[in-house]
Amino acid sequence: MSKRGNSSAARITHAYNRLLVILMLLVSFSTITVVGIHLIKNKHDDSVELMKTLKASFDQDEPDWQYWHENTPVNTHHTFARIQVKQGKKTVQRYYTRNTRRFLDNTWSTWPLISNVQYQGNQGVYYHTQAVEQEGQLEVVYDTWLSLNGMIEIFKMILLMSTGITLLGLLVGSWATRVLARRLNQPLVTLTSAAKVISNAPSPDGQEALPVPQGPEEVRELTVEFNRLLHSLKQQVVRDNQFVSDASHELRTPLTAIRGHVALLQRHGKAHPELFADSLAVIDDESQKMQQLIESLLALSRMENAQMSVAAYDLVAQVKRVVSRYQQQTPQTLKVIVPDRMMVQANAEAIEHTLLALLSNARKYAPANSVVTIQITKGGQRALLSVADLGPGIPDAEKAKIFDRFYRVDESRSKAIKGTGLGLAIAKQLTTLSGGELSVVDNVPQGSRFMVHLPLAVSENL
């Protein structure tokens, strides 16, 4: 029951009901106020004319009620008048219109509401006016009472109509709003059902997607974005599963070699002590591979949610220093084409690691007697650091995959090349964390060209 009460349809219906009630209360109050002011003003104007006629009817110390009835501008059936003649504080004479004396019998129950408006318990609401005139030694007090009961009936009718319209609006509007809200929420209900089916599927095939409704536009866009997110998560799961599989495969090879030589030594070590040197060399080499692989995996794991600080530094000086040091480790000739200075906004340590990874990749795949070109250029608001080799190159279909973990372009050839298959993946992650971008294109006339795009420092843009 609480879920139904918290649904969008229920909330929209409740909001509509509250809005309708508030609106009708405002309309009723405004109508009654405007009508009431208008009627009170009319009664005031009538009372002024009534008072003039009453004064005109009092002639020769006695009122002419016939004249008053014939000349008063209002209906005298529910209008009462009284004239009092006083001498000092003493009342000398009182004159009443028909039924006025009986009307005033219950004066003890009369109490004022607002100025000039009085309530008579047995008679209703009346508009009372009083005027005093001095005639010689006498004081004449004129009192009139105009019935406001007709106005009260109008107010009652307005209230009844407002209440009736409000109730009808609540009944019809609530039903219509609930139906409309359910219709508008139906795509969300459908999406929820589809999501439950996907989440409860015993063996998902990885191709699940929510049905995209035609409308409303917001729900359609939400579904499209959710499907994109779902697809991205599926790809991430696939990559993670592949990563675990590849890591297990890469670790299995050195472990198999280590266990094989341990078993060999256990069986034949005593009889053939000369086996120890070769087996220990293999065990040491394979353990180093495992250590390097594990350290690379840990580095990638730490970089998943890492943040790097960036600062302005001279990329040219860094490239010259790294290339000069690395030239001693590679048989290829390293050719450097750089300007005098290029200030970038990046993490120097991360970019140095990336450059070493690219040089190491060129050393593995480029011919020993070839030239590896390292170049720095400026393009727009970014600096471009490129490493071009003359190796076998990378097919177009493989370019998007070479930065994946453990990926090798040629598995049969790569087994003869030392490495963990994680160098480019780490370089890609480091470049991204440093605010740059790493990509690969074909080199002309042969080989591959890795490009590192880095943001220029503020001083370079001035």
Protein backbone atom coordinates (compact mmCIF):
# COMPACT_ATOMS: atom_id res chain seq x y z
CA MET A 1 0.00 0.00 0.00
CA SER A 2 2.85 2.33 0.79
CA LYS A 3 4.44 1.65 -2.59
CA ARG A 4 1.25 2.69 -4.36
CA GLY A 5 1.09 5.82 -2.23
CA ASN A 6 4.68 6.68 -3.19
CA SER A 7 4.19 6.13 -6.91
CA SER A 8 4.42 9.02 -9.35
CA ALA A 9 0.73 8.68 -10.21
CA ALA A 10 -0.26 9.01 -6.53
CA ARG A 11 2.06 11.97 -6.00
CA ILE A 12 0.74 13.76 -9.08
CA THR A 13 -2.84 13.13 -7.93
CA HIS A 14 -2.13 14.45 -4.44
CA ALA A 15 -0.40 17.50 -5.85
CA TYR A 16 -3.36 18.15 -8.15
CA ASN A 17 -5.82 17.86 -5.23
CA ARG A 18 -3.83 20.26 -3.08
CA LEU A 19 -3.48 22.73 -5.92
CA LEU A 20 -7.20 22.57 -6.73
CA VAL A 21 -8.24 23.09 -3.12
CA ILE A 22 -5.87 26.04 -2.69
CA LEU A 23 -7.00 27.53 -6.00
CA MET A 24 -10.71 27.20 -5.16
CA LEU A 25 -10.16 28.68 -1.72
CA LEU A 26 -8.39 31.66 -3.27
CA VAL A 27 -11.12 32.05 -5.90
CA SER A 28 -13.89 31.77 -3.30
CA PHE A 29 -12.23 34.20 -0.93
CA SER A 30 -11.54 36.68 -3.75
CA THR A 31 -15.10 36.40 -5.09
CA ILE A 32 -16.71 36.82 -1.69
CA THR A 33 -14.41 39.74 -0.90
CA VAL A 34 -15.09 41.54 -4.16
CA VAL A 35 -18.83 40.83 -4.11
CA GLY A 36 -19.06 41.72 -0.43
CA ILE A 37 -17.28 45.05 -0.87
CA HIS A 38 -19.49 45.85 -3.85
CA LEU A 39 -22.70 44.98 -2.00
CA ILE A 40 -21.64 46.85 1.14
CA LYS A 41 -20.90 49.89 -0.99
CA ASN A 42 -24.33 49.60 -2.61
CA LYS A 43 -25.96 49.28 0.81
CA HIS A 44 -24.00 52.29 1.98
CA ASP A 45 -25.22 54.31 -1.01
CA ASP A 46 -28.77 53.09 -0.40
CA SER A 47 -28.51 54.03 3.26
CA VAL A 48 -27.37 57.54 2.33
CA GLU A 49 -30.38 58.00 0.05
CA LEU A 50 -32.62 56.37 2.63
CA MET A 51 -31.37 58.76 5.29
CA LYS A 52 -32.00 61.78 3.02
CA THR A 53 -35.57 60.64 2.40
CA LEU A 54 -36.10 59.97 6.11
CA LYS A 55 -34.93 63.47 7.00
CA ALA A 56 -37.14 64.97 4.28
CA SER A 57 -40.16 63.07 5.61
CA PHE A 58 -39.78 64.60 9.09
CA ASP A 59 -41.72 67.85 8.85
CA GLN A 60 -43.47 69.89 11.52
CA ASP A 61 -42.06 67.67 14.28
CA GLU A 62 -43.76 64.60 12.89
CA PRO A 63 -42.65 62.10 10.20
CA ASP A 64 -44.68 61.55 7.04
CA TRP A 65 -44.32 57.80 6.66
CA GLN A 66 -46.40 57.72 3.51
CA TYR A 67 -43.99 60.14 1.86
CA TRP A 68 -41.07 58.05 3.11
CA HIS A 69 -42.49 54.81 1.66
CA GLU A 70 -43.22 56.41 -1.68
CA ASN A 71 -39.94 58.26 -2.17
CA THR A 72 -37.33 55.95 -0.65
CA PRO A 73 -35.09 54.35 -3.34
CA VAL A 74 -35.10 50.90 -1.70
CA ASN A 75 -37.72 48.33 -0.87
CA THR A 76 -39.06 49.23 2.57
CA HIS A 77 -40.49 45.78 3.26
CA HIS A 78 -37.30 44.70 5.04
CA THR A 79 -36.17 48.24 5.90
CA PHE A 80 -36.70 49.79 9.28
CA ALA A 81 -36.44 53.39 10.48
CA ARG A 82 -36.72 55.19 13.78
CA ILE A 83 -36.79 58.89 14.70
CA GLN A 84 -36.10 60.04 18.25
CA VAL A 85 -36.68 63.56 19.46
CA LYS A 86 -34.58 64.44 22.50
CA GLN A 87 -34.39 67.40 24.76
CA GLY A 88 -31.09 67.24 26.56
CA LYS A 89 -30.63 63.62 27.58
CA LYS A 90 -34.33 62.96 27.79
CA THR A 91 -36.19 61.39 24.90
CA VAL A 92 -39.35 63.40 24.21
CA GLN A 93 -40.83 61.34 21.39
CA ARG A 94 -40.06 58.21 19.30
CA TYR A 95 -41.47 57.44 15.86
CA TYR A 96 -41.22 54.02 14.18
CA THR A 97 -41.98 52.68 10.77
CA ARG A 98 -44.18 49.62 10.52
CA ASN A 99 -42.76 46.58 12.37
CA THR A 100 -39.73 48.54 13.55
CA ARG A 101 -40.79 48.43 17.20
CA ARG A 102 -41.08 44.65 17.09
CA PHE A 103 -37.78 44.48 15.18
CA LEU A 104 -36.02 46.33 18.01
CA ASP A 105 -37.59 44.33 20.84
CA ASN A 106 -34.55 42.04 21.06
CA THR A 107 -31.88 44.68 21.21
CA TRP A 108 -30.05 42.74 23.91
CA SER A 109 -28.96 40.18 21.28
CA THR A 110 -27.65 42.78 18.84
CA TRP A 111 -23.86 42.98 18.52
CA PRO A 112 -21.69 44.81 15.98
CA LEU A 113 -19.66 42.85 13.43
CA ILE A 114 -17.93 45.64 11.58
CA SER A 115 -18.67 49.32 11.22
CA ASN A 116 -22.40 49.83 10.48
CA VAL A 117 -23.08 46.07 10.16
CA GLN A 118 -25.11 44.52 12.97
CA TYR A 119 -26.50 41.10 13.66
CA GLN A 120 -30.00 40.63 15.08
CA GLY A 121 -30.56 37.18 16.50
CA ASN A 122 -34.10 36.73 15.22
CA GLN A 123 -33.83 38.94 12.13
CA GLY A 124 -30.41 38.41 10.54
CA VAL A 125 -27.77 40.89 9.40
CA TYR A 126 -28.55 44.58 8.83
CA TYR A 127 -26.72 47.70 7.75
CA HIS A 128 -27.32 50.40 10.38
CA THR A 129 -26.83 54.14 9.89
CA GLN A 130 -27.47 56.98 12.29
CA ALA A 131 -27.64 60.74 11.86
CA VAL A 132 -28.16 63.49 14.45
CA GLU A 133 -29.53 66.99 13.73
CA GLN A 134 -30.08 69.90 16.06
CA GLU A 135 -33.38 71.78 15.67
CA GLY A 136 -33.55 74.58 18.22
CA GLN A 137 -33.65 73.12 21.71
CA LEU A 138 -34.41 69.68 20.33
CA GLU A 139 -32.10 67.01 19.02
CA VAL A 140 -33.42 64.66 16.33
CA VAL A 141 -31.75 61.22 15.97
CA TYR A 142 -32.42 59.30 12.73
CA ASP A 143 -31.76 55.52 12.59
CA THR A 144 -32.20 53.19 9.61
CA TRP A 145 -31.64 49.47 9.21
CA LEU A 146 -31.19 47.92 5.75
CA SER A 147 -31.42 44.14 5.46
CA LEU A 148 -28.27 42.35 4.35
CA ASN A 149 -29.89 38.92 4.40
CA GLY A 150 -30.10 38.85 0.61
CA MET A 151 -26.37 39.49 0.45
CA ILE A 152 -25.77 36.69 2.95
CA GLU A 153 -27.76 34.34 0.74
CA ILE A 154 -25.55 35.32 -2.19
CA PHE A 155 -22.51 34.52 -0.07
CA LYS A 156 -23.99 31.16 0.86
CA MET A 157 -24.70 30.41 -2.78
CA ILE A 158 -21.12 31.32 -3.73
CA LEU A 159 -19.75 29.07 -0.99
CA LEU A 160 -22.03 26.19 -1.99
CA MET A 161 -21.10 26.60 -5.64
CA SER A 162 -17.38 26.80 -4.82
CA THR A 163 -17.61 23.75 -2.57
CA GLY A 164 -19.58 21.82 -5.20
CA ILE A 165 -17.18 22.76 -7.97
CA THR A 166 -14.21 21.85 -5.76
CA LEU A 167 -15.66 18.45 -4.88
CA LEU A 168 -16.55 17.77 -8.50
CA GLY A 169 -13.10 18.87 -9.59
CA LEU A 170 -11.51 16.62 -6.96
CA LEU A 171 -13.52 13.60 -8.05
CA VAL A 172 -13.24 14.07 -11.80
CA GLY A 173 -9.75 15.61 -11.70
CA SER A 174 -8.34 12.92 -9.40
CA TRP A 175 -9.63 10.18 -11.66
CA ALA A 176 -8.41 11.92 -14.84
CA THR A 177 -5.05 12.79 -13.27
CA ARG A 178 -4.54 9.23 -12.04
CA VAL A 179 -5.36 7.81 -15.47
CA LEU A 180 -3.07 10.32 -17.21
CA ALA A 181 -0.25 9.80 -14.70
CA ARG A 182 -0.45 6.03 -15.10
CA ARG A 183 -0.36 6.42 -18.86
CA LEU A 184 2.67 8.69 -18.62
CA ASN A 185 4.36 6.31 -16.16
CA GLN A 186 3.65 3.19 -18.20
CA PRO A 187 7.02 3.40 -20.03
CA LEU A 188 8.77 3.51 -16.65
CA VAL A 189 6.75 0.52 -15.44
CA THR A 190 7.71 -1.35 -18.61
CA LEU A 191 11.38 -0.45 -18.12
CA THR A 192 11.24 -1.58 -14.48
CA SER A 193 9.75 -4.94 -15.50
CA ALA A 194 12.37 -5.37 -18.21
CA ALA A 195 15.15 -4.50 -15.75
CA LYS A 196 13.83 -7.10 -13.28
CA VAL A 197 13.79 -9.73 -16.02
CA ILE A 198 17.39 -8.90 -16.92
CA SER A 199 18.59 -8.90 -13.30
CA ASN A 200 16.80 -12.19 -12.54
CA ALA A 201 17.98 -13.94 -15.71
CA PRO A 202 19.72 -17.21 -14.69
CA SER A 203 22.27 -17.10 -17.52
CA PRO A 204 22.58 -13.69 -19.19
CA ASP A 205 24.12 -13.77 -22.65
CA GLY A 206 25.55 -10.26 -22.45
CA GLN A 207 23.23 -8.90 -25.14
CA GLU A 208 20.43 -7.74 -22.84
CA ALA A 209 19.04 -4.23 -23.32
CA LEU A 210 16.02 -2.31 -22.13
CA PRO A 211 13.25 -1.64 -24.68
CA VAL A 212 13.40 1.97 -25.89
CA PRO A 213 9.95 3.62 -25.74
CA GLN A 214 8.80 6.16 -28.30
CA GLY A 215 7.86 8.67 -25.61
CA PRO A 216 7.94 10.64 -23.43
CA GLU A 217 11.18 12.16 -24.67
CA GLU A 218 12.79 12.19 -21.20
CA VAL A 219 12.09 8.48 -20.65
CA ARG A 220 13.33 7.62 -24.13
CA GLU A 221 16.60 9.51 -23.57
CA LEU A 222 16.99 7.92 -20.13
CA THR A 223 16.55 4.45 -21.64
CA VAL A 224 19.07 5.14 -24.39
CA GLU A 225 21.64 6.39 -21.88
CA PHE A 226 20.93 3.46 -19.55
CA ASN A 227 21.47 1.01 -22.41
CA ARG A 228 24.75 2.75 -23.18
CA LEU A 229 25.75 2.40 -19.55
CA LEU A 230 24.67 -1.25 -19.57
CA HIS A 231 26.69 -1.86 -22.72
CA SER A 232 29.71 -0.13 -21.19
CA LEU A 233 29.43 -2.23 -18.03
CA LYS A 234 29.14 -5.38 -20.13
CA GLN A 235 32.27 -4.44 -22.03
CA GLN A 236 34.05 -3.75 -18.75
CA VAL A 237 33.00 -7.15 -17.41
CA VAL A 238 34.22 -8.79 -20.60
CA ARG A 239 37.52 -6.92 -20.36
CA ASP A 240 37.89 -7.86 -16.69
CA ASN A 241 37.17 -11.51 -17.43
CA GLN A 242 39.64 -11.42 -20.31
CA PHE A 243 42.16 -9.71 -18.07
CA VAL A 244 41.85 -12.43 -15.43
CA SER A 245 42.13 -15.08 -18.10
CA ASP A 246 45.18 -13.43 -19.67
CA ALA A 247 46.82 -12.83 -16.30
CA SER A 248 46.29 -16.48 -15.36
CA HIS A 249 47.72 -17.55 -18.71
CA GLU A 250 50.76 -15.28 -18.38
CA LEU A 251 51.44 -16.47 -14.84
CA ARG A 252 50.95 -20.10 -15.74
CA THR A 253 53.89 -20.12 -18.20
CA PRO A 254 56.65 -19.11 -15.75
CA LEU A 255 55.11 -21.20 -12.98
CA THR A 256 55.12 -24.26 -15.23
CA ALA A 257 58.77 -23.69 -16.10
CA ILE A 258 59.72 -23.18 -12.45
CA ARG A 259 57.86 -26.27 -11.25
CA GLY A 260 59.32 -28.31 -14.14
CA HIS A 261 62.88 -27.48 -13.20
CA VAL A 262 62.15 -28.02 -9.50
CA ALA A 263 60.82 -31.49 -10.34
CA LEU A 264 63.87 -32.15 -12.56
CA LEU A 265 66.22 -31.24 -9.73
CA GLN A 266 64.29 -33.38 -7.27
CA ARG A 267 64.55 -36.44 -9.53
CA HIS A 268 68.03 -36.07 -11.00
CA GLY A 269 69.78 -33.38 -8.95
CA LYS A 270 71.79 -35.74 -6.78
CA ALA A 271 72.97 -37.85 -9.70
CA HIS A 272 73.61 -34.90 -12.01
CA PRO A 273 74.76 -31.86 -10.03
CA GLU A 274 75.58 -30.05 -13.27
CA LEU A 275 71.79 -29.52 -13.76
CA PHE A 276 71.63 -27.09 -10.86
CA ALA A 277 73.27 -24.18 -12.65
CA ASP A 278 71.01 -24.28 -15.71
CA SER A 279 67.84 -24.95 -13.70
CA LEU A 280 68.54 -22.17 -11.23
CA ALA A 281 69.16 -19.77 -14.11
CA VAL A 282 65.81 -20.70 -15.64
CA ILE A 283 64.05 -20.43 -12.27
CA ASP A 284 65.62 -17.00 -11.68
CA ASP A 285 64.68 -15.77 -15.14
CA GLU A 286 61.10 -16.98 -14.86
CA SER A 287 60.69 -15.60 -11.34
CA GLN A 288 61.86 -12.21 -12.60
CA LYS A 289 59.21 -12.39 -15.32
CA MET A 290 56.59 -13.15 -12.67
CA GLN A 291 57.82 -10.30 -10.49
CA GLN A 292 57.73 -7.87 -13.41
CA LEU A 293 54.25 -9.06 -14.38
CA ILE A 294 52.90 -8.75 -10.84
CA GLU A 295 54.43 -5.28 -10.40
CA SER A 296 52.84 -4.18 -13.68
CA LEU A 297 49.48 -5.58 -12.62
CA LEU A 298 49.73 -3.75 -9.29
CA ALA A 299 50.66 -0.53 -11.09
CA LEU A 300 47.61 -0.82 -13.35
CA SER A 301 45.40 -1.59 -10.36
CA ARG A 302 46.62 1.48 -8.48
CA MET A 303 46.03 3.67 -11.54
CA GLU A 304 42.35 2.70 -11.84
CA ASN A 305 41.28 5.42 -9.37
CA ALA A 306 44.53 7.37 -9.13
CA GLN A 307 44.92 11.11 -9.55
CA MET A 308 48.11 12.78 -10.66
CA SER A 309 49.32 16.29 -10.00
CA VAL A 310 50.38 18.23 -13.07
CA ALA A 311 52.76 21.14 -13.42
CA ALA A 312 54.44 23.13 -16.14
CA TYR A 313 57.83 21.81 -17.30
CA ASP A 314 60.01 21.74 -20.44
CA LEU A 315 59.17 18.64 -22.50
CA VAL A 316 62.17 19.17 -24.82
CA ALA A 317 64.71 18.97 -21.99
CA GLN A 318 63.01 15.84 -20.65
CA VAL A 319 63.03 14.08 -24.06
CA LYS A 320 66.68 14.90 -24.67
CA ARG A 321 67.68 13.54 -21.27
CA VAL A 322 65.65 10.31 -21.55
CA VAL A 323 66.71 9.58 -25.16
CA SER A 324 70.38 10.21 -24.37
CA ARG A 325 70.27 7.73 -21.52
CA TYR A 326 68.23 5.13 -23.42
CA GLN A 327 70.47 5.22 -26.52
CA GLN A 328 72.96 3.07 -24.61
CA GLN A 329 70.36 0.29 -24.17
CA THR A 330 69.05 -0.06 -27.73
CA PRO A 331 70.71 -1.12 -30.98
CA GLN A 332 68.53 1.25 -33.04
CA THR A 333 69.61 4.79 -33.77
CA LEU A 334 67.49 7.32 -31.88
CA LYS A 335 66.94 10.47 -33.92
CA VAL A 336 65.60 13.51 -32.04
CA ILE A 337 63.79 16.36 -33.82
CA VAL A 338 62.69 18.95 -31.28
CA PRO A 339 62.41 22.74 -30.95
CA ASP A 340 64.51 24.71 -28.50
CA ARG A 341 61.79 24.66 -25.84
CA MET A 342 58.23 23.41 -25.31
CA MET A 343 56.45 23.95 -21.99
CA VAL A 344 53.64 21.49 -21.22
CA GLN A 345 51.19 21.06 -18.32
CA ALA A 346 51.53 17.43 -17.30
CA ASN A 347 53.01 14.99 -14.80
CA ALA A 348 56.70 14.75 -15.70
CA GLU A 349 57.23 11.34 -14.09
CA ALA A 350 54.25 9.82 -15.89
CA ILE A 351 55.31 11.20 -19.28
CA GLU A 352 58.86 9.91 -18.76
CA HIS A 353 57.49 6.45 -18.01
CA THR A 354 55.33 6.65 -21.15
CA LEU A 355 58.28 7.69 -23.32
CA LEU A 356 60.41 4.82 -21.97
CA ALA A 357 57.56 2.38 -22.72
CA LEU A 358 57.32 3.63 -26.31
CA LEU A 359 61.11 3.42 -26.79
CA SER A 360 61.08 -0.09 -25.34
CA ASN A 361 58.31 -1.09 -27.70
CA ALA A 362 60.30 0.28 -30.68
CA ARG A 363 63.43 -1.58 -29.52
CA LYS A 364 61.48 -4.88 -29.45
CA TYR A 365 59.80 -4.67 -32.84
CA ALA A 366 62.02 -2.42 -35.05
CA PRO A 367 65.06 -3.83 -36.90
CA ALA A 368 68.34 -3.39 -35.02
CA ASN A 369 69.93 -1.32 -37.80
CA SER A 370 66.91 1.00 -38.24
CA VAL A 371 66.22 4.54 -37.02
CA VAL A 372 63.64 5.47 -34.36
CA THR A 373 62.54 9.08 -34.68
CA ILE A 374 61.45 11.08 -31.63
CA GLN A 375 59.85 14.39 -32.55
CA ILE A 376 58.09 17.24 -30.75
CA THR A 377 55.75 19.61 -32.59
CA LYS A 378 53.09 22.10 -31.62
CA GLY A 379 49.48 21.89 -32.81
CA GLY A 380 46.93 24.39 -31.58
CA GLN A 381 46.74 24.31 -27.79
CA ARG A 382 48.59 20.99 -27.48
CA ALA A 383 52.09 19.63 -27.83
CA LEU A 384 52.66 16.45 -29.86
CA LEU A 385 55.37 14.00 -28.84
CA SER A 386 55.77 11.19 -31.40
CA VAL A 387 57.89 8.03 -31.48
CA ALA A 388 58.12 6.54 -35.01
CA ASP A 389 59.79 3.18 -35.80
CA LEU A 390 60.40 1.18 -38.99
CA GLY A 391 59.06 -2.09 -37.66
CA PRO A 392 56.39 -4.35 -39.20
CA GLY A 393 53.60 -1.88 -38.37
CA ILE A 394 50.17 -2.51 -36.89
CA PRO A 395 47.13 -3.52 -38.98
CA ASP A 396 44.25 -1.05 -38.88
CA ALA A 397 41.97 -3.65 -37.26
CA GLU A 398 44.45 -4.06 -34.40
CA LYS A 399 45.19 -0.39 -33.67
CA ALA A 400 42.27 -0.02 -31.25
CA LYS A 401 43.33 -3.13 -29.29
CA ILE A 402 47.04 -2.69 -28.78
CA PHE A 403 46.49 -0.64 -25.61
CA ASP A 404 44.50 -3.49 -24.03
CA ARG A 405 46.18 -5.51 -21.32
CA PHE A 406 48.18 -8.54 -22.53
CA TYR A 407 47.27 -7.87 -26.14
CA ARG A 408 49.85 -8.89 -28.77
CA VAL A 409 49.45 -8.23 -32.49
CA ASP A 410 51.21 -11.44 -33.53
CA GLU A 411 50.96 -14.09 -30.82
CA SER A 412 53.26 -16.55 -32.62
CA ARG A 413 55.99 -13.91 -33.04
CA SER A 414 55.50 -12.20 -29.68
CA LYS A 415 56.47 -15.30 -27.71
CA ALA A 416 60.03 -14.74 -28.83
CA ILE A 417 59.88 -11.13 -27.65
CA LYS A 418 60.32 -10.47 -23.96
CA GLY A 419 57.65 -8.48 -22.16
CA THR A 420 54.45 -8.74 -20.17
CA GLY A 421 52.08 -7.21 -22.73
CA LEU A 422 51.23 -4.47 -20.22
CA GLY A 423 53.65 -1.73 -21.25
CA LEU A 424 51.36 0.08 -23.69
CA ALA A 425 48.36 -0.35 -21.39
CA ILE A 426 50.29 1.32 -18.55
CA ALA A 427 51.53 4.07 -20.89
CA LYS A 428 47.99 4.75 -22.06
CA GLN A 429 46.71 5.01 -18.49
CA LEU A 430 49.57 7.24 -17.37
CA THR A 431 49.06 9.60 -20.32
CA THR A 432 45.34 9.86 -19.59
CA LEU A 433 45.91 10.55 -15.89
CA SER A 434 48.39 13.24 -16.87
CA GLY A 435 45.76 15.03 -18.96
CA GLY A 436 47.03 13.81 -22.32
CA GLU A 437 46.09 11.30 -24.99
CA LEU A 438 48.03 8.38 -26.51
CA SER A 439 47.28 7.03 -29.99
CA VAL A 440 48.96 5.17 -32.86
CA VAL A 441 49.03 5.67 -36.65
CA ASP A 442 51.01 4.22 -39.52
CA ASN A 443 54.50 5.53 -40.10
CA VAL A 444 55.59 6.51 -43.58
CA PRO A 445 56.96 4.58 -45.42
CA GLN A 446 56.87 1.69 -42.89
CA GLY A 447 56.29 0.98 -39.24
CA SER A 448 54.23 2.58 -36.49
CA ARG A 449 54.06 6.07 -35.06
CA PHE A 450 52.92 6.51 -31.45
CA MET A 451 51.70 10.02 -30.61
CA VAL A 452 51.36 11.59 -27.16
CA HIS A 453 49.15 14.71 -27.11
CA LEU A 454 49.78 16.96 -24.09
CA PRO A 455 48.24 20.30 -23.07
CA LEU A 456 50.54 23.28 -23.39
CA ALA A 457 51.44 25.32 -20.34
CA VAL A 458 49.85 28.73 -19.94
CA SER A 459 53.10 30.47 -20.85
CA GLU A 460 53.12 28.74 -24.26
CA ASN A 461 49.68 30.14 -25.09
CA LEU A 462 50.54 33.78 -24.35
